[in-house]
Every structure is written in structure tokens, then in C-alpha cells.
């Protein structure tokens, strides 16, 4: 892998940034695929559980944008 455009620490910083999001998804037992800036979530069938997961991710994304 090569560093992000001109940044020696770009890959490391991106990994650190996205690691917390992966922890949040794992805590809610949500399966997901992540590739660079594209994410695919496999949400539970329960509407209440899915809404909780989406709300958690929304809060995290708003705080870390």
C-alpha cells in the first residue's frame, strides 16, 4: 500500500480514524464491509435495533466529520 497523496502518515491516520467506527459497529453486532470511503452495513431485521445502530453511527459521523 502507498501513503495517501503526499502524506507519509495518511494511511495510518485513516486507519486510526475508521477503527473507532468499526468498534461501534462490532459493539452493536453489526456486520459490515468497508473499503476506503465506501461502507456496507448488514443491519438486524428488528427496526428498533437498526434505528439504534444508525443513530449511533450518525452521532459518531457528526462528531468526527
N, C-alpha and C. Protein backbone atom coordinates (compact mmCIF):
# COMPACT_ATOMS: atom_id res chain seq x y z
N UNK A 1 0.84 -1.19 0.00
CA UNK A 1 0.00 0.00 0.00
C UNK A 1 0.88 1.24 0.00
N UNK A 2 0.41 2.25 -0.64
CA UNK A 2 1.15 3.51 -0.67
C UNK A 2 0.43 4.53 0.19
N UNK A 3 1.15 5.50 0.73
CA UNK A 3 0.52 6.54 1.55
C UNK A 3 -0.44 7.38 0.72
N UNK A 4 -1.38 8.01 1.41
CA UNK A 4 -2.33 8.91 0.73
C UNK A 4 -1.54 10.06 0.12
N UNK A 5 -2.01 10.59 -0.94
CA UNK A 5 -1.37 11.63 -1.75
C UNK A 5 -0.45 12.56 -0.97
N UNK A 6 0.84 12.25 -0.95
CA UNK A 6 1.83 13.11 -0.36
C UNK A 6 1.93 13.04 1.15
N UNK A 7 1.12 12.26 1.80
CA UNK A 7 1.15 12.19 3.25
C UNK A 7 1.81 10.89 3.70
N UNK A 8 2.87 11.02 4.47
CA UNK A 8 3.56 9.84 4.97
C UNK A 8 2.69 9.10 5.97
N UNK A 9 1.93 9.84 6.75
CA UNK A 9 1.10 9.23 7.79
C UNK A 9 -0.36 9.07 7.38
N UNK A 10 -0.69 9.34 6.13
CA UNK A 10 -2.08 9.31 5.68
C UNK A 10 -2.78 7.99 5.94
N UNK A 11 -2.15 6.89 5.58
CA UNK A 11 -2.76 5.58 5.77
C UNK A 11 -2.96 5.26 7.24
N UNK A 12 -1.96 5.56 8.06
CA UNK A 12 -2.06 5.32 9.50
C UNK A 12 -3.18 6.16 10.11
N UNK A 13 -3.23 7.43 9.77
CA UNK A 13 -4.27 8.31 10.32
C UNK A 13 -5.66 7.87 9.89
N UNK A 14 -5.81 7.46 8.64
CA UNK A 14 -7.11 6.98 8.17
C UNK A 14 -7.53 5.73 8.91
N UNK A 15 -6.59 4.82 9.13
CA UNK A 15 -6.88 3.59 9.86
C UNK A 15 -7.31 3.89 11.29
N UNK A 16 -6.61 4.79 11.94
CA UNK A 16 -6.97 5.17 13.30
C UNK A 16 -8.35 5.82 13.34
N UNK A 17 -8.65 6.64 12.34
CA UNK A 17 -9.95 7.32 12.26
C UNK A 17 -11.09 6.32 12.10
N UNK A 18 -10.92 5.33 11.24
CA UNK A 18 -12.00 4.39 10.96
C UNK A 18 -12.09 3.25 11.96
N UNK A 19 -11.04 3.03 12.74
CA UNK A 19 -11.04 1.94 13.72
C UNK A 19 -12.15 2.12 14.76
N UNK A 20 -12.36 3.34 15.22
CA UNK A 20 -13.40 3.59 16.22
C UNK A 20 -14.78 3.28 15.66
N UNK A 21 -15.00 3.61 14.40
CA UNK A 21 -16.28 3.31 13.77
C UNK A 21 -16.51 1.81 13.71
N UNK A 22 -15.48 1.06 13.40
CA UNK A 22 -15.59 -0.40 13.36
C UNK A 22 -15.92 -0.95 14.75
N UNK A 23 -15.34 -0.36 15.78
CA UNK A 23 -15.65 -0.78 17.15
C UNK A 23 -17.12 -0.54 17.49
N UNK A 24 -17.64 0.61 17.06
CA UNK A 24 -19.06 0.90 17.32
C UNK A 24 -19.97 -0.12 16.64
N UNK A 25 -19.65 -0.47 15.41
CA UNK A 25 -20.45 -1.45 14.69
C UNK A 25 -20.35 -2.83 15.34
N UNK A 26 -19.17 -3.20 15.76
CA UNK A 26 -18.98 -4.50 16.41
C UNK A 26 -19.73 -4.56 17.73
N UNK A 27 -19.75 -3.46 18.46
CA UNK A 27 -20.46 -3.42 19.74
C UNK A 27 -21.95 -3.69 19.56
N UNK A 28 -22.51 -3.23 18.44
CA UNK A 28 -23.92 -3.47 18.14
C UNK A 28 -24.13 -4.75 17.34
N UNK A 29 -23.09 -5.55 17.20
CA UNK A 29 -23.14 -6.82 16.46
C UNK A 29 -23.60 -6.65 15.02
N UNK A 30 -23.13 -5.58 14.39
CA UNK A 30 -23.48 -5.30 13.00
C UNK A 30 -22.32 -5.76 12.12
N UNK A 31 -22.63 -6.58 11.14
CA UNK A 31 -21.64 -7.00 10.16
C UNK A 31 -21.50 -5.90 9.12
N UNK A 32 -20.28 -5.70 8.62
CA UNK A 32 -20.09 -4.64 7.63
C UNK A 32 -18.87 -4.94 6.77
N UNK A 33 -18.87 -4.30 5.61
CA UNK A 33 -17.70 -4.28 4.72
C UNK A 33 -17.30 -2.83 4.58
N UNK A 34 -16.01 -2.58 4.64
CA UNK A 34 -15.52 -1.22 4.47
C UNK A 34 -14.38 -1.23 3.47
N UNK A 35 -14.43 -0.32 2.53
CA UNK A 35 -13.37 -0.17 1.55
C UNK A 35 -13.15 1.31 1.31
N UNK A 36 -12.06 1.83 1.77
CA UNK A 36 -11.69 3.24 1.68
C UNK A 36 -12.85 4.09 2.19
N UNK A 37 -13.59 4.77 1.32
CA UNK A 37 -14.68 5.64 1.78
C UNK A 37 -16.06 5.05 1.50
N UNK A 38 -16.13 3.76 1.27
CA UNK A 38 -17.39 3.09 0.98
C UNK A 38 -17.65 2.05 2.06
N UNK A 39 -18.86 2.07 2.64
CA UNK A 39 -19.22 1.14 3.70
C UNK A 39 -20.55 0.49 3.39
N UNK A 40 -20.66 -0.77 3.72
CA UNK A 40 -21.90 -1.50 3.55
C UNK A 40 -22.22 -2.16 4.88
N UNK A 41 -23.38 -1.80 5.45
CA UNK A 41 -23.80 -2.35 6.74
C UNK A 41 -24.86 -3.41 6.53
N UNK A 42 -24.77 -4.47 7.31
CA UNK A 42 -25.78 -5.52 7.31
C UNK A 42 -26.53 -5.39 8.63
N UNK A 43 -27.65 -4.68 8.59
CA UNK A 43 -28.38 -4.34 9.80
C UNK A 43 -29.34 -5.46 10.22
N UNK A 44 -29.64 -5.53 11.53
CA UNK A 44 -30.58 -6.54 12.01
C UNK A 44 -31.98 -6.28 11.46
N UNK A 45 -32.79 -7.32 11.49
CA UNK A 45 -34.15 -7.18 10.97
C UNK A 45 -35.03 -6.32 11.86
N UNK A 46 -34.73 -6.30 13.13
CA UNK A 46 -35.52 -5.50 14.07
C UNK A 46 -35.36 -4.02 13.74
N UNK A 47 -36.45 -3.35 13.53
CA UNK A 47 -36.41 -1.93 13.19
C UNK A 47 -35.80 -1.13 14.33
N UNK A 48 -36.14 -1.48 15.57
CA UNK A 48 -35.61 -0.75 16.72
C UNK A 48 -34.09 -0.89 16.81
N UNK A 49 -33.56 -2.10 16.60
CA UNK A 49 -32.12 -2.32 16.64
C UNK A 49 -31.42 -1.58 15.49
N UNK A 50 -32.02 -1.62 14.31
CA UNK A 50 -31.44 -0.94 13.14
C UNK A 50 -31.41 0.56 13.37
N UNK A 51 -32.50 1.12 13.91
CA UNK A 51 -32.56 2.55 14.18
C UNK A 51 -31.51 2.96 15.20
N UNK A 52 -31.30 2.13 16.22
CA UNK A 52 -30.28 2.42 17.23
C UNK A 52 -28.89 2.45 16.60
N UNK A 53 -28.60 1.48 15.77
CA UNK A 53 -27.30 1.41 15.11
C UNK A 53 -27.08 2.62 14.21
N UNK A 54 -28.06 2.97 13.41
CA UNK A 54 -27.94 4.11 12.51
C UNK A 54 -27.77 5.40 13.30
N UNK A 55 -28.49 5.53 14.40
CA UNK A 55 -28.36 6.73 15.24
C UNK A 55 -26.96 6.81 15.84
N UNK A 56 -26.42 5.68 16.31
CA UNK A 56 -25.08 5.65 16.89
C UNK A 56 -24.04 6.08 15.85
N UNK A 57 -24.13 5.53 14.65
CA UNK A 57 -23.19 5.87 13.59
C UNK A 57 -23.35 7.34 13.17
N UNK A 58 -24.59 7.81 13.10
CA UNK A 58 -24.85 9.20 12.74
C UNK A 58 -24.20 10.16 13.74
N UNK A 59 -24.33 9.86 15.02
CA UNK A 59 -23.73 10.70 16.06
C UNK A 59 -22.22 10.68 15.92
N UNK A 60 -21.65 9.50 15.70
CA UNK A 60 -20.19 9.39 15.55
C UNK A 60 -19.70 10.17 14.33
N UNK A 61 -20.42 10.01 13.20
CA UNK A 61 -20.01 10.69 11.97
C UNK A 61 -20.11 12.22 12.15
N UNK A 62 -21.15 12.69 12.81
CA UNK A 62 -21.30 14.15 13.03
C UNK A 62 -20.19 14.69 13.92
N UNK A 63 -19.80 13.90 14.92
CA UNK A 63 -18.76 14.34 15.84
C UNK A 63 -17.36 14.25 15.23
N UNK A 64 -17.19 13.39 14.23
CA UNK A 64 -15.85 13.16 13.67
C UNK A 64 -15.69 13.57 12.21
N UNK A 65 -16.59 14.40 11.73
CA UNK A 65 -16.52 14.83 10.33
C UNK A 65 -15.46 15.87 10.09
